[in-house]
C-alpha atoms as a PDB file:
ATOM      1  CA  ILE A   1       0.360   0.041  -0.184  1.00  0.00           C
ATOM      2  CA  ASP A   2       2.746   2.594   1.040  1.00  0.00           C
ATOM      3  CA  ALA A   3       4.112   2.307  -2.957  1.00  0.00           C
ATOM      4  CA  ILE A   4       0.537   3.524  -3.959  1.00  0.00           C
ATOM      5  CA  CYS A   5      -0.461   5.721  -1.220  1.00  0.00           C
ATOM      6  CA  PHE A   6       3.310   7.356  -1.049  1.00  0.00           C
ATOM      7  CA  ASN A   7       4.753   9.712  -3.444  1.00  0.00           C
ATOM      8  CA  GLN A   8       8.085   7.555  -4.218  1.00  0.00           C
ATOM      9  CA  ALA A   9       9.909  10.556  -5.953  1.00  0.00           C
ATOM     10  CA  ASP A  10       8.990  13.002  -3.730  1.00  0.00           C
ATOM     11  CA  LEU A  11      11.934  12.388  -0.545  1.00  0.00           C
ATOM     12  CA  ASP A  12      11.173  14.780   2.091  1.00  0.00           C
ATOM     13  CA  GLU A  13       7.032  13.286   1.684  1.00  0.00           C
ATOM     14  CA  ARG A  14       8.222   9.852   1.931  1.00  0.00           C
ATOM     15  CA  GLY A  15      10.538  10.171   4.509  1.00  0.00           C
ATOM     16  CA  HIS A  16       7.648  11.870   6.374  1.00  0.00           C
ATOM     17  CA  GLN A  17       6.007   8.182   5.875  1.00  0.00           C
ATOM     18  CA  VAL A  18       8.567   5.839   6.636  1.00  0.00           C
ATOM     19  CA  GLN A  19       8.595   7.567  10.030  1.00  0.00           C
ATOM     20  CA  LEU A  20       5.138   6.849  10.438  1.00  0.00           C
ATOM     21  CA  ILE A  21       5.343   3.002   9.236  1.00  0.00           C
ATOM     22  CA  LYS A  22       6.159   1.716  12.620  1.00  0.00           C
ATOM     23  CA  HIS A  23       3.169   3.496  14.769  1.00  0.00           C
ATOM     24  CA  ILE A  24       0.896   2.516  12.194  1.00  0.00           C
ATOM     25  CA  TYR A  25       1.898  -1.587  12.153  1.00  0.00           C
ATOM     26  CA  SER A  26       2.866  -1.204  15.265  1.00  0.00           C
ATOM     27  CA  ASP A  27      -0.415  -0.828  16.139  1.00  0.00           C
ATOM     28  CA  ALA A  28      -2.420  -3.287  14.072  1.00  0.00           C
ATOM     29  CA  VAL A  29      -4.312  -5.564  15.039  1.00  0.00           C
ATOM     30  CA  ARG A  30      -3.593  -7.884  11.811  1.00  0.00           C
ATOM     31  CA  VAL A  31      -1.454  -7.339   9.138  1.00  0.00           C
ATOM     32  CA  LEU A  32      -1.337  -8.910   5.865  1.00  0.00           C
ATOM     33  CA  VAL A  33       1.519  -9.141   3.921  1.00  0.00           C
ATOM     34  CA  TRP A  34       1.196  -9.854   0.149  1.00  0.00           C
ATOM     35  CA  LEU A  35       4.201 -12.218  -1.228  1.00  0.00           C
ATOM     36  CA  ARG A  36       3.061 -12.295  -4.709  1.00  0.00           C
ATOM     37  CA  GLU A  37       0.980 -14.623  -6.709  1.00  0.00           C
ATOM     38  CA  GLU A  38       1.151 -18.385  -5.680  1.00  0.00           C
ATOM     39  CA  ASP A  39       2.824 -21.229  -7.734  1.00  0.00           C
ATOM     40  CA  GLU A  40       3.925 -24.381  -7.922  1.00  0.00           C
ATOM     41  CA  ASP A  41       6.882 -23.979  -5.670  1.00  0.00           C
ATOM     42  CA  SER A  42       4.819 -21.172  -3.308  1.00  0.00           C
ATOM     43  CA  ARG A  43       2.319 -23.801  -2.603  1.00  0.00           C
ATOM     44  CA  LEU A  44       5.573 -26.112  -1.970  1.00  0.00           C
ATOM     45  CA  ALA A  45       7.073 -24.176   0.414  1.00  0.00           C
ATOM     46  CA  MET A  46       3.522 -23.418   2.379  1.00  0.00           C
ATOM     47  CA  SER A  47       2.774 -27.124   2.682  1.00  0.00           C
ATOM     48  CA  THR A  48       6.470 -28.332   3.157  1.00  0.00           C
ATOM     49  CA  LEU A  49       6.021 -25.296   6.133  1.00  0.00           C
ATOM     50  CA  LYS A  50       2.992 -26.167   7.667  1.00  0.00           C
ATOM     51  CA  LYS A  51       3.984 -29.900   7.025  1.00  0.00           C
ATOM     52  CA  TRP A  52       7.813 -29.167   9.228  1.00  0.00           C
ATOM     53  CA  ALA A  53       5.522 -27.588  11.545  1.00  0.00           C
ATOM     54  CA  GLU A  54       3.107 -30.961  12.662  1.00  0.00           C
ATOM     55  CA  TRP A  55       6.411 -32.125  12.381  1.00  0.00           C
ATOM     56  CA  SER A  56       8.391 -30.815  14.952  1.00  0.00           C
ATOM     57  CA  ASN A  57       5.176 -31.479  17.285  1.00  0.00           C
ATOM     58  CA  ALA A  58       4.587 -34.615  15.951  1.00  0.00           C
ATOM     59  CA  PRO A  59       8.398 -36.609  14.402  1.00  0.00           C
ATOM     60  CA  ASP A  60       7.303 -39.596  14.419  1.00  0.00           C
ATOM     61  CA  ASN A  61       3.965 -38.669  12.653  1.00  0.00           C
ATOM     62  CA  MET A  62       6.483 -37.770  10.014  1.00  0.00           C
ATOM     63  CA  ALA A  63       5.513 -40.574   6.826  1.00  0.00           C
ATOM     64  CA  GLU A  64       7.406 -42.750   4.568  1.00  0.00           C
ATOM     65  CA  HIS A  65       7.694 -41.514   1.847  1.00  0.00           C
ATOM     66  CA  GLU A  66       8.407 -37.816   3.289  1.00  0.00           C
ATOM     67  CA  ARG A  67      11.918 -39.210   4.607  1.00  0.00           C
ATOM     68  CA  ASP A  68      12.674 -39.471   0.694  1.00  0.00           C
ATOM     69  CA  SER A  69      16.256 -37.500  -0.355  1.00  0.00           C
ATOM     70  CA  GLU A  70      13.883 -36.439  -3.535  1.00  0.00           C
ATOM     71  CA  ASN A  71      10.972 -35.929  -2.003  1.00  0.00           C
ATOM     72  CA  MET A  72      13.239 -33.551   0.392  1.00  0.00           C
ATOM     73  CA  LEU A  73      14.923 -31.949  -2.344  1.00  0.00           C
ATOM     74  CA  LYS A  74      12.141 -31.294  -4.557  1.00  0.00           C
ATOM     75  CA  ARG A  75      10.934 -29.277  -1.373  1.00  0.00           C
ATOM     76  CA  CYS A  76      13.709 -27.267  -0.169  1.00  0.00           C
ATOM     77  CA  CYS A  77      14.754 -26.672  -3.270  1.00  0.00           C
ATOM     78  CA  SER A  78      10.458 -24.868  -2.833  1.00  0.00           C
ATOM     79  CA  LEU A  79      11.561 -23.093  -0.381  1.00  0.00           C
ATOM     80  CA  ARG A  80      14.545 -22.062  -1.595  1.00  0.00           C
ATOM     81  CA  THR A  81      12.834 -20.071  -4.443  1.00  0.00           C
ATOM     82  CA  PHE A  82      10.322 -18.967  -2.738  1.00  0.00           C
ATOM     83  CA  PHE A  83      12.559 -17.273   0.261  1.00  0.00           C
ATOM     84  CA  PHE A  84      14.961 -16.118  -2.274  1.00  0.00           C
ATOM     85  CA  TYR A  85      13.761 -15.385  -5.578  1.00  0.00           C
ATOM     86  CA  ARG A  86      11.098 -13.576  -5.511  1.00  0.00           C
ATOM     87  CA  SER A  87      11.003  -9.881  -5.628  1.00  0.00           C
ATOM     88  CA  TRP A  88       9.400  -9.168  -2.423  1.00  0.00           C
ATOM     89  CA  LEU A  89      12.823 -10.275  -0.785  1.00  0.00           C
ATOM     90  CA  SER A  90      14.273  -7.670  -2.773  1.00  0.00           C
ATOM     91  CA  ARG A  91      11.726  -4.985  -0.290  1.00  0.00           C
ATOM     92  CA  ALA A  92      13.145  -4.556   2.910  1.00  0.00           C
ATOM     93  CA  TRP A  93      10.169  -2.995   4.200  1.00  0.00           C
ATOM     94  CA  THR A  94       7.925  -6.173   3.897  1.00  0.00           C
ATOM     95  CA  PHE A  95      10.341  -7.590   6.650  1.00  0.00           C
ATOM     96  CA  GLN A  96      10.042  -4.685   8.748  1.00  0.00           C
ATOM     97  CA  GLU A  97       5.672  -4.780   8.344  1.00  0.00           C
ATOM     98  CA  ILE A  98       6.234  -8.147   9.118  1.00  0.00           C
ATOM     99  CA  THR A  99       8.398  -7.921  12.581  1.00  0.00           C
ATOM    100  CA  LEU A 100       6.566  -4.493  13.599  1.00  0.00           C
ATOM    101  CA  ALA A 101       2.966  -6.184  13.122  1.00  0.00           C
ATOM    102  CA  SER A 102       4.330  -9.038  15.299  1.00  0.00           C
ATOM    103  CA  HIS A 103       5.643  -7.117  18.221  1.00  0.00           C
ATOM    104  CA  GLY A 104       1.759  -4.985  18.587  1.00  0.00           C
END
């Protein structure tokens, strides 16, 4: 939203608005961050994160096929692509928004 609402070409306005962001996000009840359109890698990455969270609570429930190295390699590659090769990563404010919201 800030990329649309703030005049990015006006450095004074942008600087002023950036100072307000920490107050806006830290007081927010809920913050949604759009990371880009869903694709095959992002679906697999989110599924992997969910499965790993489940396994951390009950490691004995890890399915035998998930221990397969080829399947695990696909999952790890999807996470790498999702976190390191998507355009949202280059935008530092995304991290600021997420971090501030979690402390609000």
